[in-house]
C-alpha atoms as a PDB file:
ATOM      1  CA  MET A   1       4.334  27.385  34.811  1.00  0.00           C
ATOM      2  CA  ASN A   2       3.742  24.238  36.850  1.00  0.00           C
ATOM      3  CA  ASP A   3       5.107  20.783  35.995  1.00  0.00           C
ATOM      4  CA  GLU A   4       1.821  19.569  34.509  1.00  0.00           C
ATOM      5  CA  GLN A   5       1.537  22.577  32.161  1.00  0.00           C
ATOM      6  CA  LEU A   6       5.167  22.135  31.143  1.00  0.00           C
ATOM      7  CA  PHE A   7       4.610  18.425  30.469  1.00  0.00           C
ATOM      8  CA  LEU A   8       1.596  19.221  28.245  1.00  0.00           C
ATOM      9  CA  LEU A   9       3.632  21.853  26.395  1.00  0.00           C
ATOM     10  CA  ILE A  10       6.457  19.348  25.827  1.00  0.00           C
ATOM     11  CA  GLN A  11       3.914  16.811  24.505  1.00  0.00           C
ATOM     12  CA  LYS A  12       2.544  19.349  22.010  1.00  0.00           C
ATOM     13  CA  ALA A  13       6.085  20.299  20.967  1.00  0.00           C
ATOM     14  CA  LYS A  14       6.870  16.600  20.385  1.00  0.00           C
ATOM     15  CA  GLU A  15       3.879  16.488  18.036  1.00  0.00           C
ATOM     16  CA  LYS A  16       5.527  19.281  15.974  1.00  0.00           C
ATOM     17  CA  ASP A  17       3.097  21.971  17.208  1.00  0.00           C
ATOM     18  CA  GLN A  18       5.068  25.079  16.185  1.00  0.00           C
ATOM     19  CA  LYS A  19       3.403  27.373  18.719  1.00  0.00           C
ATOM     20  CA  ALA A  20       4.284  24.954  21.519  1.00  0.00           C
ATOM     21  CA  GLN A  21       7.859  24.673  20.237  1.00  0.00           C
ATOM     22  CA  THR A  22       8.214  28.461  20.106  1.00  0.00           C
ATOM     23  CA  LYS A  23       6.746  28.815  23.611  1.00  0.00           C
ATOM     24  CA  LEU A  24       9.129  26.159  24.943  1.00  0.00           C
ATOM     25  CA  ILE A  25      12.082  27.966  23.385  1.00  0.00           C
ATOM     26  CA  ASN A  26      10.945  31.319  24.760  1.00  0.00           C
ATOM     27  CA  ILE A  27      10.533  29.910  28.290  1.00  0.00           C
ATOM     28  CA  PHE A  28      14.071  28.524  28.449  1.00  0.00           C
ATOM     29  CA  TRP A  29      15.955  30.848  26.055  1.00  0.00           C
ATOM     30  CA  VAL A  30      17.240  33.283  28.696  1.00  0.00           C
ATOM     31  CA  ASP A  31      18.464  30.497  31.005  1.00  0.00           C
ATOM     32  CA  VAL A  32      20.281  28.700  28.194  1.00  0.00           C
ATOM     33  CA  PHE A  33      21.715  31.887  26.703  1.00  0.00           C
ATOM     34  CA  ALA A  34      22.978  33.047  30.130  1.00  0.00           C
ATOM     35  CA  PHE A  35      24.496  29.609  30.789  1.00  0.00           C
ATOM     36  CA  VAL A  36      26.242  29.572  27.394  1.00  0.00           C
ATOM     37  CA  MET A  37      27.346  33.212  27.699  1.00  0.00           C
ATOM     38  CA  LYS A  38      29.168  32.405  30.975  1.00  0.00           C
ATOM     39  CA  LYS A  39      31.085  29.688  29.135  1.00  0.00           C
ATOM     40  CA  VAL A  40      31.975  31.486  25.882  1.00  0.00           C
ATOM     41  CA  LYS A  41      31.926  35.190  26.849  1.00  0.00           C
ATOM     42  CA  ASP A  42      30.994  36.304  23.312  1.00  0.00           C
ATOM     43  CA  GLU A  43      27.435  37.332  22.449  1.00  0.00           C
ATOM     44  CA  ASN A  44      27.506  36.189  18.795  1.00  0.00           C
ATOM     45  CA  ASP A  45      28.980  32.794  19.709  1.00  0.00           C
ATOM     46  CA  ALA A  46      26.475  32.461  22.560  1.00  0.00           C
ATOM     47  CA  ASP A  47      23.608  33.283  20.165  1.00  0.00           C
ATOM     48  CA  GLU A  48      24.770  30.717  17.617  1.00  0.00           C
ATOM     49  CA  ILE A  49      25.315  28.030  20.264  1.00  0.00           C
ATOM     50  CA  THR A  50      21.930  28.712  21.881  1.00  0.00           C
ATOM     51  CA  VAL A  51      20.202  28.347  18.498  1.00  0.00           C
ATOM     52  CA  ASN A  52      22.024  25.019  18.049  1.00  0.00           C
ATOM     53  CA  VAL A  53      21.011  23.911  21.547  1.00  0.00           C
ATOM     54  CA  PHE A  54      17.311  24.473  20.838  1.00  0.00           C
ATOM     55  CA  SER A  55      17.602  22.824  17.462  1.00  0.00           C
ATOM     56  CA  LYS A  56      18.953  19.735  19.263  1.00  0.00           C
ATOM     57  CA  VAL A  57      16.343  20.003  22.027  1.00  0.00           C
ATOM     58  CA  LEU A  58      13.480  20.007  19.514  1.00  0.00           C
ATOM     59  CA  SER A  59      14.939  17.177  17.463  1.00  0.00           C
ATOM     60  CA  LYS A  60      15.559  15.026  20.569  1.00  0.00           C
ATOM     61  CA  LEU A  61      12.335  15.705  22.491  1.00  0.00           C
ATOM     62  CA  ASP A  62      11.374  12.023  22.162  1.00  0.00           C
ATOM     63  CA  MET A  63      14.465  11.164  24.225  1.00  0.00           C
ATOM     64  CA  TYR A  64      13.473  13.400  27.152  1.00  0.00           C
ATOM     65  CA  ASP A  65      12.720  11.417  30.323  1.00  0.00           C
ATOM     66  CA  PRO A  66       9.950  13.185  32.292  1.00  0.00           C
ATOM     67  CA  HIS A  67      11.376  11.765  35.561  1.00  0.00           C
ATOM     68  CA  PHE A  68      14.038  14.484  35.330  1.00  0.00           C
ATOM     69  CA  GLN A  69      13.692  18.248  35.315  1.00  0.00           C
ATOM     70  CA  PHE A  70      13.283  19.525  31.749  1.00  0.00           C
ATOM     71  CA  LYS A  71      15.500  22.546  32.436  1.00  0.00           C
ATOM     72  CA  THR A  72      18.314  20.250  33.640  1.00  0.00           C
ATOM     73  CA  TRP A  73      17.980  18.171  30.474  1.00  0.00           C
ATOM     74  CA  VAL A  74      18.119  21.301  28.287  1.00  0.00           C
ATOM     75  CA  LEU A  75      21.152  22.661  30.172  1.00  0.00           C
ATOM     76  CA  THR A  76      22.912  19.294  29.771  1.00  0.00           C
ATOM     77  CA  ILE A  77      22.433  19.608  26.011  1.00  0.00           C
ATOM     78  CA  ALA A  78      23.737  23.185  26.270  1.00  0.00           C
ATOM     79  CA  GLN A  79      26.806  22.010  28.205  1.00  0.00           C
ATOM     80  CA  ASN A  80      27.586  19.363  25.579  1.00  0.00           C
ATOM     81  CA  THR A  81      27.092  21.868  22.755  1.00  0.00           C
ATOM     82  CA  VAL A  82      29.517  24.285  24.442  1.00  0.00           C
ATOM     83  CA  ILE A  83      32.074  21.468  24.782  1.00  0.00           C
ATOM     84  CA  ASP A  84      31.680  20.716  21.049  1.00  0.00           C
ATOM     85  CA  PHE A  85      32.120  24.429  20.296  1.00  0.00           C
ATOM     86  CA  TRP A  86      35.406  24.588  22.247  1.00  0.00           C
ATOM     87  CA  ARG A  87      36.678  21.366  20.664  1.00  0.00           C
ATOM     88  CA  LYS A  88      35.991  22.750  17.217  1.00  0.00           C
ATOM     89  CA  ARG A  89      37.541  26.104  18.144  1.00  0.00           C
ATOM     90  CA  SER A  90      40.717  24.434  19.453  1.00  0.00           C
ATOM     91  CA  ARG A  91      41.055  22.413  16.228  1.00  0.00           C
ATOM     92  CA  GLU A  92      40.705  25.643  14.240  1.00  0.00           C
ATOM     93  CA  ASN A  93      43.363  27.358  16.366  1.00  0.00           C
ATOM     94  CA  GLN A  94      46.084  24.744  16.059  1.00  0.00           C
ATOM     95  CA  ASP A  95      49.447  25.906  14.701  1.00  0.00           C
ATOM     96  CA  PRO A  96      48.716  26.471  11.008  1.00  0.00           C
ATOM     97  CA  THR A  97      52.248  25.488   9.944  1.00  0.00           C
ATOM     98  CA  GLU A  98      52.139  22.230  11.864  1.00  0.00           C
ATOM     99  CA  ASN A  99      50.948  20.010   9.009  1.00  0.00           C
ATOM    100  CA  LEU A 100      51.614  22.376   6.130  1.00  0.00           C
ATOM    101  CA  ASP A 101      52.483  19.708   3.551  1.00  0.00           C
ATOM    102  CA  GLU A 102      49.361  17.752   4.441  1.00  0.00           C
ATOM    103  CA  VAL A 103      47.239  20.890   4.123  1.00  0.00           C
ATOM    104  CA  LYS A 104      48.827  21.828   0.790  1.00  0.00           C
ATOM    105  CA  ASN A 105      48.006  18.384  -0.576  1.00  0.00           C
ATOM    106  CA  GLN A 106      44.499  18.564   0.817  1.00  0.00           C
ATOM    107  CA  PHE A 107      43.794  21.877  -0.907  1.00  0.00           C
ATOM    108  CA  ALA A 108      45.598  21.131  -4.157  1.00  0.00           C
ATOM    109  CA  LYS A 109      42.425  20.122  -5.913  1.00  0.00           C
ATOM    110  CA  SER A 110      42.377  18.602  -9.330  1.00  0.00           C
ATOM    111  CA  PRO A 111      40.224  20.232 -12.035  1.00  0.00           C
ATOM    112  CA  GLU A 112      37.705  17.412 -11.494  1.00  0.00           C
ATOM    113  CA  GLU A 113      37.508  18.139  -7.761  1.00  0.00           C
ATOM    114  CA  LEU A 114      37.086  21.859  -8.420  1.00  0.00           C
ATOM    115  CA  MET A 115      34.262  21.080 -10.847  1.00  0.00           C
ATOM    116  CA  ILE A 116      32.552  18.815  -8.273  1.00  0.00           C
ATOM    117  CA  SER A 117      32.906  21.476  -5.593  1.00  0.00           C
ATOM    118  CA  ASN A 118      31.356  24.077  -7.949  1.00  0.00           C
ATOM    119  CA  GLU A 119      28.541  21.620  -8.685  1.00  0.00           C
ATOM    120  CA  GLU A 120      27.911  21.164  -4.952  1.00  0.00           C
ATOM    121  CA  GLN A 121      27.833  24.926  -4.456  1.00  0.00           C
ATOM    122  CA  LYS A 122      25.313  25.285  -7.298  1.00  0.00           C
ATOM    123  CA  LYS A 123      23.143  22.548  -5.725  1.00  0.00           C
ATOM    124  CA  ILE A 124      23.210  24.301  -2.345  1.00  0.00           C
ATOM    125  CA  ILE A 125      22.258  27.643  -3.904  1.00  0.00           C
ATOM    126  CA  LYS A 126      19.513  25.962  -5.959  1.00  0.00           C
ATOM    127  CA  THR A 127      18.201  24.296  -2.790  1.00  0.00           C
ATOM    128  CA  ILE A 128      18.209  27.634  -0.947  1.00  0.00           C
ATOM    129  CA  GLU A 129      16.309  29.212  -3.848  1.00  0.00           C
ATOM    130  CA  SER A 130      13.649  26.489  -3.545  1.00  0.00           C
ATOM    131  CA  LEU A 131      12.934  27.499   0.059  1.00  0.00           C
ATOM    132  CA  ASP A 132      10.137  29.752   1.237  1.00  0.00           C
ATOM    133  CA  ALA A 133      11.067  33.458   0.812  1.00  0.00           C
ATOM    134  CA  ASN A 134      11.242  33.986   4.605  1.00  0.00           C
ATOM    135  CA  TYR A 135      13.770  31.165   4.981  1.00  0.00           C
ATOM    136  CA  GLN A 136      15.774  32.478   2.015  1.00  0.00           C
ATOM    137  CA  ASP A 137      16.023  35.901   3.671  1.00  0.00           C
ATOM    138  CA  ILE A 138      17.044  34.404   7.005  1.00  0.00           C
ATOM    139  CA  ILE A 139      19.749  32.215   5.416  1.00  0.00           C
ATOM    140  CA  ARG A 140      21.060  35.083   3.285  1.00  0.00           C
ATOM    141  CA  LEU A 141      21.266  37.467   6.244  1.00  0.00           C
ATOM    142  CA  ARG A 142      22.688  34.964   8.732  1.00  0.00           C
ATOM    143  CA  PHE A 143      25.110  32.925   6.643  1.00  0.00           C
ATOM    144  CA  PHE A 144      26.000  34.998   3.588  1.00  0.00           C
ATOM    145  CA  GLU A 145      25.939  38.466   5.161  1.00  0.00           C
ATOM    146  CA  GLU A 146      26.920  37.039   8.588  1.00  0.00           C
ATOM    147  CA  LYS A 147      24.580  39.318  10.533  1.00  0.00           C
ATOM    148  CA  SER A 148      23.799  38.793  14.201  1.00  0.00           C
ATOM    149  CA  ILE A 149      20.386  37.628  15.404  1.00  0.00           C
ATOM    150  CA  LYS A 150      19.701  41.153  16.683  1.00  0.00           C
ATOM    151  CA  GLU A 151      20.629  42.775  13.332  1.00  0.00           C
ATOM    152  CA  ILE A 152      18.387  40.342  11.452  1.00  0.00           C
ATOM    153  CA  ALA A 153      15.488  41.038  13.829  1.00  0.00           C
ATOM    154  CA  GLU A 154      15.857  44.791  13.267  1.00  0.00           C
ATOM    155  CA  GLU A 155      16.150  44.420   9.495  1.00  0.00           C
ATOM    156  CA  LEU A 156      13.085  42.165   9.228  1.00  0.00           C
ATOM    157  CA  GLY A 157      11.092  44.068  11.849  1.00  0.00           C
ATOM    158  CA  ILE A 158      10.455  40.980  13.984  1.00  0.00           C
ATOM    159  CA  SER A 159      11.300  40.079  17.568  1.00  0.00           C
ATOM    160  CA  VAL A 160      14.665  38.598  18.508  1.00  0.00           C
ATOM    161  CA  ALA A 161      12.893  35.456  19.785  1.00  0.00           C
ATOM    162  CA  ASN A 162      11.046  35.054  16.491  1.00  0.00           C
ATOM    163  CA  THR A 163      14.312  35.561  14.583  1.00  0.00           C
ATOM    164  CA  LYS A 164      16.021  32.830  16.618  1.00  0.00           C
ATOM    165  CA  VAL A 165      13.222  30.395  15.877  1.00  0.00           C
ATOM    166  CA  ARG A 166      13.268  31.288  12.167  1.00  0.00           C
ATOM    167  CA  VAL A 167      17.053  30.811  11.935  1.00  0.00           C
ATOM    168  CA  MET A 168      16.747  27.439  13.616  1.00  0.00           C
ATOM    169  CA  ARG A 169      13.882  26.313  11.371  1.00  0.00           C
ATOM    170  CA  ALA A 170      15.586  27.586   8.199  1.00  0.00           C
ATOM    171  CA  LYS A 171      18.745  25.638   9.093  1.00  0.00           C
ATOM    172  CA  LYS A 172      16.694  22.525   9.809  1.00  0.00           C
ATOM    173  CA  VAL A 173      14.681  22.738   6.569  1.00  0.00           C
ATOM    174  CA  LEU A 174      17.809  23.421   4.495  1.00  0.00           C
ATOM    175  CA  ALA A 175      19.695  20.539   6.115  1.00  0.00           C
ATOM    176  CA  GLU A 176      16.776  18.167   5.416  1.00  0.00           C
ATOM    177  CA  LEU A 177      16.522  19.253   1.785  1.00  0.00           C
ATOM    178  CA  LEU A 178      20.273  18.933   1.261  1.00  0.00           C
ATOM    179  CA  LYS A 179      20.290  15.516   2.912  1.00  0.00           C
ATOM    180  CA  ASN A 180      17.389  14.327   0.731  1.00  0.00           C
ATOM    181  CA  ASN A 181      18.923  15.725  -2.479  1.00  0.00           C
ATOM    182  CA  GLU A 182      22.411  14.450  -1.736  1.00  0.00           C
ATOM    183  CA  PHE A 183      22.138  11.147  -3.563  1.00  0.00           C
ATOM    184  CA  ASP A 184      19.643  12.083  -6.273  1.00  0.00           C
ATOM    185  CA  ASP A 185      22.237  12.387  -9.037  1.00  0.00           C
ATOM    186  CA  HIS A 186      24.379   9.368  -8.199  1.00  0.00           C
END
């Protein structure tokens, strides 16, 4: 694909053309996945990170400067996403007894807090149930049953690339709905 064709594809993707977005993802998926895989050395983590990278790429397409190579821009986003992944992982792996009293206090929820947390969970489940059946399946398989992209693709009888795009879109739609519903009751 030459630069002009790529530029036109990026323009269509910016205009929310789903076919163009999918094509863009498919063109750069292997490069990004390979780049991420070198950094994290775990296929499931690499899959998850790569999905996040393309979610960011599509949401930030307006910020892309055509004076730079698109692939370089995408890999920069990938690099930053990997850094975020390792930061989060290192926070999760800190000595669990380090701030034990703080943690105990944090998790000692009052009955009111427990009720609020149950309410939030009900809202999330209700929001998921309001989604299109395809998105519901994707979310259930990926986040509740914690299946890999490959397992989901096999179960749904669709390609791995299509599964990746569906996971990304389902996450995006769910996040939007949750964000929009967040303050409805207050």
